Amino acid sequence: MFNENLVQMRKLMSMTQEDLAEKVGVTRQAVAKWESGESLPDLEKSKLLAEVLGVSLDDLANHEPDDNMGLGLAPRGKHLFGMVTVGDKGQIVIPAKARKIFNISPGDSLVVLGDENQGMALMKADNFLSMANMISKLSKMKNRE
């Protein structure tokens, strides 16, 4: 599992074993052994690998492709929660893991944003309004200058 995730993320980052070895401070042979499953890095090197590859240490060590709909490991902070079905009135059910990560509770208001080229996004209304107020204040400050 670790070795497969390591290979996948290294390739996703367009890095050679030598590139990764240099960033982590080991030999290319050490990286090759980790990727083949012949050995494992110590905890400090594992943390550094995760940082260099932009994933959590937990995901690097434990990610199973089934956890991500058969897809590979996602970069830190990126999630694929699964598919939802749109109901007759346009309603969707937000997956439990997404609700937990983004602290969404029953009764919360969400803003639906859209870009015809990039898709749709949901954002908690209070976060959106805070951001909008901040932009408005910055705009007013610039206009005074």
N, C-alpha and C. Protein backbone atom coordinates (compact mmCIF):
# COMPACT_ATOMS: atom_id res chain seq x y z
N MET A 1 0.83 -1.18 0.00
CA MET A 1 0.00 0.00 0.00
C MET A 1 0.88 1.25 0.00
N PHE A 2 1.80 1.39 0.99
CA PHE A 2 2.69 2.55 1.05
C PHE A 2 3.49 2.67 -0.24
N ASN A 3 4.08 1.55 -0.65
CA ASN A 3 4.95 1.61 -1.83
C ASN A 3 4.16 2.00 -3.08
N GLU A 4 2.95 1.49 -3.23
CA GLU A 4 2.13 1.83 -4.40
C GLU A 4 1.74 3.32 -4.38
N ASN A 5 1.39 3.82 -3.21
CA ASN A 5 1.04 5.23 -3.08
C ASN A 5 2.24 6.12 -3.36
N LEU A 6 3.40 5.69 -2.91
CA LEU A 6 4.63 6.44 -3.14
C LEU A 6 4.93 6.55 -4.64
N VAL A 7 4.85 5.43 -5.34
CA VAL A 7 5.10 5.42 -6.78
C VAL A 7 4.10 6.32 -7.49
N GLN A 8 2.82 6.17 -7.15
CA GLN A 8 1.76 6.94 -7.81
C GLN A 8 1.97 8.44 -7.62
N MET A 9 2.24 8.87 -6.39
CA MET A 9 2.40 10.29 -6.13
C MET A 9 3.68 10.85 -6.75
N ARG A 10 4.74 10.08 -6.73
CA ARG A 10 6.00 10.54 -7.36
C ARG A 10 5.77 10.78 -8.84
N LYS A 11 5.10 9.85 -9.49
CA LYS A 11 4.84 9.99 -10.93
C LYS A 11 3.87 11.13 -11.19
N LEU A 12 2.86 11.28 -10.34
CA LEU A 12 1.91 12.37 -10.49
C LEU A 12 2.62 13.73 -10.41
N MET A 13 3.65 13.80 -9.60
CA MET A 13 4.42 15.03 -9.44
C MET A 13 5.50 15.17 -10.51
N SER A 14 5.52 14.21 -11.46
CA SER A 14 6.51 14.20 -12.55
C SER A 14 7.94 14.22 -12.01
N MET A 15 8.17 13.42 -10.99
CA MET A 15 9.50 13.33 -10.38
C MET A 15 10.11 11.97 -10.68
N THR A 16 11.41 11.95 -10.84
CA THR A 16 12.12 10.69 -10.94
C THR A 16 12.46 10.23 -9.53
N GLN A 17 12.90 8.99 -9.41
CA GLN A 17 13.35 8.51 -8.10
C GLN A 17 14.50 9.37 -7.60
N GLU A 18 15.35 9.77 -8.51
CA GLU A 18 16.48 10.61 -8.15
C GLU A 18 16.03 11.98 -7.64
N ASP A 19 15.03 12.57 -8.30
CA ASP A 19 14.49 13.86 -7.85
C ASP A 19 13.96 13.76 -6.43
N LEU A 20 13.17 12.72 -6.19
CA LEU A 20 12.57 12.53 -4.86
C LEU A 20 13.66 12.27 -3.82
N ALA A 21 14.63 11.45 -4.18
CA ALA A 21 15.72 11.14 -3.25
C ALA A 21 16.45 12.41 -2.84
N GLU A 22 16.70 13.29 -3.79
CA GLU A 22 17.40 14.54 -3.51
C GLU A 22 16.61 15.40 -2.54
N LYS A 23 15.29 15.49 -2.74
CA LYS A 23 14.45 16.32 -1.88
C LYS A 23 14.34 15.78 -0.46
N VAL A 24 14.46 14.46 -0.33
CA VAL A 24 14.31 13.83 0.98
C VAL A 24 15.66 13.58 1.66
N GLY A 25 16.74 13.69 0.88
CA GLY A 25 18.07 13.52 1.46
C GLY A 25 18.51 12.07 1.59
N VAL A 26 18.13 11.24 0.61
CA VAL A 26 18.54 9.84 0.59
C VAL A 26 19.06 9.50 -0.81
N THR A 27 19.47 8.27 -0.99
CA THR A 27 19.93 7.84 -2.31
C THR A 27 18.75 7.39 -3.17
N ARG A 28 18.98 7.36 -4.47
CA ARG A 28 17.96 6.85 -5.38
C ARG A 28 17.65 5.41 -5.07
N GLN A 29 18.67 4.66 -4.64
CA GLN A 29 18.47 3.25 -4.30
C GLN A 29 17.52 3.09 -3.11
N ALA A 30 17.58 4.00 -2.16
CA ALA A 30 16.67 3.94 -1.01
C ALA A 30 15.23 4.12 -1.49
N VAL A 31 15.01 5.10 -2.37
CA VAL A 31 13.66 5.32 -2.91
C VAL A 31 13.20 4.09 -3.68
N ALA A 32 14.10 3.50 -4.46
CA ALA A 32 13.76 2.29 -5.23
C ALA A 32 13.34 1.15 -4.30
N LYS A 33 14.02 1.00 -3.18
CA LYS A 33 13.67 -0.06 -2.21
C LYS A 33 12.31 0.22 -1.57
N TRP A 34 12.04 1.48 -1.27
CA TRP A 34 10.73 1.83 -0.70
C TRP A 34 9.63 1.53 -1.69
N GLU A 35 9.87 1.89 -2.96
CA GLU A 35 8.85 1.69 -3.98
C GLU A 35 8.63 0.22 -4.31
N SER A 36 9.66 -0.58 -4.16
CA SER A 36 9.51 -2.02 -4.43
C SER A 36 8.90 -2.76 -3.25
N GLY A 37 8.84 -2.10 -2.10
CA GLY A 37 8.33 -2.74 -0.89
C GLY A 37 9.40 -3.52 -0.15
N GLU A 38 10.63 -3.42 -0.61
CA GLU A 38 11.73 -4.13 0.03
C GLU A 38 12.05 -3.57 1.41
N SER A 39 11.82 -2.26 1.59
CA SER A 39 12.04 -1.64 2.89
C SER A 39 11.09 -0.46 3.03
N LEU A 40 11.05 0.10 4.24
CA LEU A 40 10.21 1.27 4.52
C LEU A 40 11.09 2.37 5.10
N PRO A 41 10.75 3.63 4.80
CA PRO A 41 11.52 4.73 5.39
C PRO A 41 11.19 4.88 6.87
N ASP A 42 12.10 5.52 7.62
CA ASP A 42 11.79 5.79 9.01
C ASP A 42 10.72 6.89 9.08
N LEU A 43 10.24 7.16 10.26
CA LEU A 43 9.13 8.10 10.44
C LEU A 43 9.47 9.50 9.93
N GLU A 44 10.66 9.98 10.23
CA GLU A 44 11.04 11.32 9.79
C GLU A 44 11.07 11.41 8.27
N LYS A 45 11.63 10.41 7.61
CA LYS A 45 11.67 10.40 6.14
C LYS A 45 10.26 10.26 5.57
N SER A 46 9.42 9.47 6.25
CA SER A 46 8.04 9.31 5.79
C SER A 46 7.29 10.64 5.85
N LYS A 47 7.49 11.39 6.94
CA LYS A 47 6.85 12.70 7.06
C LYS A 47 7.34 13.64 5.96
N LEU A 48 8.63 13.60 5.68
CA LEU A 48 9.20 14.44 4.64
C LEU A 48 8.68 14.04 3.26
N LEU A 49 8.58 12.74 3.02
CA LEU A 49 8.01 12.26 1.75
C LEU A 49 6.60 12.80 1.56
N ALA A 50 5.78 12.68 2.59
CA ALA A 50 4.40 13.16 2.51
C ALA A 50 4.36 14.65 2.22
N GLU A 51 5.23 15.40 2.87
CA GLU A 51 5.28 16.85 2.66
C GLU A 51 5.69 17.18 1.22
N VAL A 52 6.74 16.53 0.74
CA VAL A 52 7.23 16.77 -0.62
C VAL A 52 6.17 16.40 -1.66
N LEU A 53 5.43 15.33 -1.39
CA LEU A 53 4.43 14.84 -2.34
C LEU A 53 3.07 15.52 -2.18
N GLY A 54 2.93 16.35 -1.14
CA GLY A 54 1.70 17.11 -0.96
C GLY A 54 0.51 16.29 -0.49
N VAL A 55 0.77 15.26 0.31
CA VAL A 55 -0.30 14.42 0.85
C VAL A 55 -0.09 14.28 2.35
N SER A 56 -1.10 13.80 3.04
CA SER A 56 -0.92 13.55 4.47
C SER A 56 -0.15 12.25 4.66
N LEU A 57 0.54 12.14 5.76
CA LEU A 57 1.28 10.92 6.06
C LEU A 57 0.33 9.73 6.17
N ASP A 58 -0.84 9.97 6.77
CA ASP A 58 -1.84 8.91 6.89
C ASP A 58 -2.26 8.40 5.52
N ASP A 59 -2.53 9.32 4.59
CA ASP A 59 -2.93 8.89 3.25
C ASP A 59 -1.80 8.17 2.54
N LEU A 60 -0.58 8.66 2.67
CA LEU A 60 0.55 8.02 2.01
C LEU A 60 0.71 6.58 2.50
N ALA A 61 0.51 6.38 3.79
CA ALA A 61 0.70 5.06 4.37
C ALA A 61 -0.51 4.14 4.22
N ASN A 62 -1.71 4.70 4.25
CA ASN A 62 -2.91 3.86 4.38
C ASN A 62 -3.92 3.94 3.26
N HIS A 63 -3.76 4.83 2.31
CA HIS A 63 -4.78 5.01 1.28
C HIS A 63 -4.99 3.73 0.47
N GLU A 64 -6.25 3.39 0.30
CA GLU A 64 -6.66 2.27 -0.56
C GLU A 64 -7.41 2.87 -1.73
N PRO A 65 -7.17 2.42 -2.96
CA PRO A 65 -7.88 2.98 -4.12
C PRO A 65 -9.40 2.96 -3.96
N ASP A 66 -9.93 1.99 -3.27
CA ASP A 66 -11.38 1.91 -3.06
C ASP A 66 -11.90 3.10 -2.26
N ASP A 67 -11.00 3.74 -1.47
CA ASP A 67 -11.39 4.90 -0.67
C ASP A 67 -11.72 6.10 -1.55
N ASN A 68 -11.31 6.08 -2.79
CA ASN A 68 -11.44 7.24 -3.67
C ASN A 68 -12.06 6.81 -5.00
N MET A 69 -13.08 5.96 -4.93
CA MET A 69 -13.80 5.47 -6.10
C MET A 69 -12.86 4.81 -7.11
N GLY A 70 -11.85 4.13 -6.62
CA GLY A 70 -10.92 3.43 -7.50
C GLY A 70 -9.83 4.31 -8.07
N LEU A 71 -9.87 5.59 -7.75
CA LEU A 71 -8.84 6.51 -8.23
C LEU A 71 -7.68 6.53 -7.25
N GLY A 72 -6.61 7.12 -7.68
CA GLY A 72 -5.42 7.19 -6.84
C GLY A 72 -5.56 8.17 -5.69
N LEU A 73 -4.49 8.30 -5.00
CA LEU A 73 -4.39 9.19 -3.84
C LEU A 73 -4.53 10.64 -4.28
N ALA A 74 -5.35 11.40 -3.59
CA ALA A 74 -5.56 12.81 -3.93
C ALA A 74 -4.58 13.68 -3.14
N PRO A 75 -4.15 14.79 -3.71
CA PRO A 75 -3.26 15.70 -2.97
C PRO A 75 -3.94 16.22 -1.70
N ARG A 76 -3.13 16.65 -0.75
CA ARG A 76 -3.64 17.14 0.53
C ARG A 76 -4.69 18.22 0.32
N GLY A 77 -5.80 18.09 1.02
CA GLY A 77 -6.87 19.07 0.95
C GLY A 77 -7.84 18.87 -0.21
N LYS A 78 -7.57 17.91 -1.07
CA LYS A 78 -8.45 17.62 -2.20
C LYS A 78 -9.21 16.34 -1.88
N HIS A 79 -10.49 16.32 -2.21
CA HIS A 79 -11.32 15.18 -1.84
C HIS A 79 -12.23 14.78 -3.00
N LEU A 80 -12.50 13.52 -3.09
CA LEU A 80 -13.55 13.01 -3.97
C LEU A 80 -14.49 12.24 -3.06
N PHE A 81 -15.65 12.79 -2.81
CA PHE A 81 -16.56 12.22 -1.83
C PHE A 81 -17.49 11.17 -2.41
N GLY A 82 -17.51 11.03 -3.70
CA GLY A 82 -18.40 10.07 -4.33
C GLY A 82 -19.41 10.80 -5.18
N MET A 83 -20.35 10.04 -5.67
CA MET A 83 -21.38 10.61 -6.53
C MET A 83 -22.68 10.77 -5.76
N VAL A 84 -23.44 11.76 -6.15
CA VAL A 84 -24.77 11.97 -5.57
C VAL A 84 -25.77 12.03 -6.71
N THR A 85 -27.00 11.74 -6.39
CA THR A 85 -28.07 11.78 -7.39
C THR A 85 -28.90 13.03 -7.15
N VAL A 86 -29.23 13.72 -8.20
CA VAL A 86 -30.07 14.92 -8.10
C VAL A 86 -31.52 14.46 -8.08
N GLY A 87 -32.26 14.92 -7.06
CA GLY A 87 -33.67 14.55 -6.94
C GLY A 87 -34.56 15.34 -7.89
N ASP A 88 -35.83 15.03 -7.86
CA ASP A 88 -36.81 15.66 -8.75
C ASP A 88 -36.82 17.19 -8.63
N LYS A 89 -36.58 17.68 -7.45
CA LYS A 89 -36.62 19.14 -7.22
C LYS A 89 -35.22 19.74 -7.18
N GLY A 90 -34.22 19.00 -7.63
CA GLY A 90 -32.85 19.51 -7.68
C GLY A 90 -32.05 19.31 -6.40
N GLN A 91 -32.61 18.59 -5.44
CA GLN A 91 -31.92 18.40 -4.17
C GLN A 91 -30.85 17.31 -4.29
N ILE A 92 -29.80 17.48 -3.50
CA ILE A 92 -28.75 16.46 -3.41
C ILE A 92 -28.49 16.18 -1.94
N VAL A 93 -27.92 15.03 -1.65
CA VAL A 93 -27.51 14.69 -0.30
C VAL A 93 -26.00 14.79 -0.26
N ILE A 94 -25.49 15.65 0.62
CA ILE A 94 -24.04 15.83 0.74
C ILE A 94 -23.50 14.66 1.56
N PRO A 95 -22.50 13.95 1.05
CA PRO A 95 -21.96 12.79 1.77
C PRO A 95 -21.49 13.15 3.18
N ALA A 96 -21.66 12.19 4.09
CA ALA A 96 -21.33 12.40 5.51
C ALA A 96 -19.89 12.86 5.71
N LYS A 97 -18.94 12.27 4.99
CA LYS A 97 -17.53 12.66 5.15
C LYS A 97 -17.33 14.13 4.78
N ALA A 98 -18.00 14.59 3.73
CA ALA A 98 -17.90 15.99 3.32
C ALA A 98 -18.52 16.91 4.38
N ARG A 99 -19.66 16.49 4.92
CA ARG A 99 -20.31 17.30 5.97
C ARG A 99 -19.41 17.42 7.18
N LYS A 100 -18.72 16.34 7.52
CA LYS A 100 -17.83 16.35 8.69
C LYS A 100 -16.63 17.25 8.45
N ILE A 101 -15.96 17.08 7.31
CA ILE A 101 -14.76 17.86 7.02
C ILE A 101 -15.07 19.34 6.95
N PHE A 102 -16.21 19.71 6.36
CA PHE A 102 -16.55 21.11 6.16
C PHE A 102 -17.52 21.64 7.21
N ASN A 103 -17.75 20.84 8.26
CA ASN A 103 -18.58 21.25 9.39
C ASN A 103 -19.95 21.77 8.93
N ILE A 104 -20.62 20.97 8.12
CA ILE A 104 -21.95 21.32 7.62
C ILE A 104 -22.98 20.56 8.44
N SER A 105 -23.91 21.31 9.03
CA SER A 105 -24.93 20.72 9.89
C SER A 105 -26.31 20.98 9.30
N PRO A 106 -27.30 20.17 9.71
CA PRO A 106 -28.67 20.43 9.25
C PRO A 106 -29.07 21.87 9.57
N GLY A 107 -29.69 22.53 8.62
CA GLY A 107 -30.12 23.91 8.81
C GLY A 107 -29.11 24.94 8.33
N ASP A 108 -27.86 24.55 8.07
CA ASP A 108 -26.87 25.49 7.55
C ASP A 108 -27.28 25.96 6.16
N SER A 109 -26.97 27.19 5.85
CA SER A 109 -27.22 27.73 4.51
C SER A 109 -25.95 27.62 3.68
N LEU A 110 -26.13 27.21 2.42
CA LEU A 110 -25.00 27.08 1.51
C LEU A 110 -25.24 27.98 0.30
N VAL A 111 -24.17 28.52 -0.23
CA VAL A 111 -24.22 29.31 -1.45
C VAL A 111 -23.79 28.40 -2.58
N VAL A 112 -24.50 28.42 -3.69
CA VAL A 112 -24.14 27.63 -4.86
C VAL A 112 -23.49 28.58 -5.86
N LEU A 113 -22.24 28.31 -6.19
CA LEU A 113 -21.50 29.13 -7.15
C LEU A 113 -21.35 28.33 -8.43
N GLY A 114 -21.26 29.01 -9.55
CA GLY A 114 -21.13 28.29 -10.81
C GLY A 114 -20.25 29.01 -11.81
N ASP A 115 -19.55 28.24 -12.58
CA ASP A 115 -18.73 28.72 -13.69
C ASP A 115 -19.01 27.76 -14.83
N GLU A 116 -19.50 28.26 -15.94
CA GLU A 116 -19.90 27.38 -17.04
C GLU A 116 -18.76 26.55 -17.59
N ASN A 117 -17.53 26.98 -17.38
CA ASN A 117 -16.39 26.21 -17.86
C ASN A 117 -15.82 25.26 -16.81
N GLN A 118 -15.95 25.63 -15.52
CA GLN A 118 -15.31 24.83 -14.49
C GLN A 118 -16.27 24.06 -13.60
N GLY A 119 -17.53 24.40 -13.60
CA GLY A 119 -18.49 23.64 -12.81
C GLY A 119 -19.09 24.43 -11.67
N MET A 120 -19.61 23.69 -10.70
CA MET A 120 -20.31 24.28 -9.56
C MET A 120 -19.53 24.03 -8.29
N ALA A 121 -19.81 24.90 -7.30
CA ALA A 121 -19.19 24.75 -5.99
C ALA A 121 -20.21 25.14 -4.94
N LEU A 122 -20.09 24.54 -3.78
CA LEU A 122 -20.92 24.90 -2.63
C LEU A 122 -20.01 25.53 -1.58
N MET A 123 -20.54 26.54 -0.91
CA MET A 123 -19.77 27.21 0.13
C MET A 123 -20.73 27.59 1.25
N LYS A 124 -20.29 27.45 2.50
CA LYS A 124 -21.15 27.86 3.60
C LYS A 124 -21.45 29.35 3.47
N ALA A 125 -22.70 29.70 3.65
CA ALA A 125 -23.13 31.08 3.43
C ALA A 125 -22.38 32.06 4.33
N ASP A 126 -22.16 31.71 5.60
CA ASP A 126 -21.47 32.65 6.49
C ASP A 126 -20.04 32.89 6.04
N ASN A 127 -19.37 31.87 5.53
CA ASN A 127 -18.02 32.05 5.01
C ASN A 127 -18.04 32.94 3.76
N PHE A 128 -19.01 32.71 2.90
CA PHE A 128 -19.13 33.50 1.68
C PHE A 128 -19.39 34.97 2.02
N LEU A 129 -20.31 35.22 2.96
CA LEU A 129 -20.63 36.59 3.33
C LEU A 129 -19.45 37.28 3.99
N SER A 130 -18.69 36.56 4.81
CA SER A 130 -17.49 37.13 5.43
C SER A 130 -16.48 37.53 4.35
N MET A 131 -16.30 36.67 3.37
CA MET A 131 -15.37 36.95 2.28
C MET A 131 -15.87 38.16 1.47
N ALA A 132 -17.15 38.21 1.19
CA ALA A 132 -17.71 39.31 0.42
C ALA A 132 -17.54 40.63 1.17
N ASN A 133 -17.76 40.62 2.48
CA ASN A 133 -17.58 41.83 3.30
C ASN A 133 -16.12 42.28 3.29
N MET A 134 -15.20 41.34 3.37
CA MET A 134 -13.78 41.66 3.36
C MET A 134 -13.40 42.30 2.02
N ILE A 135 -13.89 41.76 0.93
CA ILE A 135 -13.62 42.31 -0.40
C ILE A 135 -14.19 43.72 -0.51
N SER A 136 -15.39 43.89 0.01
CA SER A 136 -16.03 45.21 -0.04
C SER A 136 -15.21 46.23 0.74
N LYS A 137 -14.72 45.87 1.91
CA LYS A 137 -13.91 46.79 2.73
C LYS A 137 -12.60 47.12 2.01
N LEU A 138 -11.96 46.12 1.43
CA LEU A 138 -10.71 46.37 0.70
C LEU A 138 -10.95 47.29 -0.48
N SER A 139 -12.05 47.09 -1.17
CA SER A 139 -12.39 47.92 -2.31
C SER A 139 -12.59 49.37 -1.88
N LYS A 140 -13.29 49.59 -0.77
CA LYS A 140 -13.52 50.94 -0.25
C LYS A 140 -12.21 51.60 0.14
N MET A 141 -11.31 50.82 0.75
CA MET A 141 -10.00 51.36 1.16
C MET A 141 -9.19 51.78 -0.07
N LYS A 142 -9.23 51.00 -1.12
CA LYS A 142 -8.48 51.33 -2.34
C LYS A 142 -9.06 52.58 -3.00
N ASN A 143 -10.38 52.72 -2.95
CA ASN A 143 -11.02 53.89 -3.56
C ASN A 143 -10.67 55.18 -2.83
N ARG A 144 -10.34 55.08 -1.54
CA ARG A 144 -9.97 56.26 -0.75
C ARG A 144 -8.56 56.72 -1.09
N GLU A 145 -7.73 55.82 -1.56
CA GLU A 145 -6.32 56.15 -1.83
C GLU A 145 -6.14 57.03 -3.00
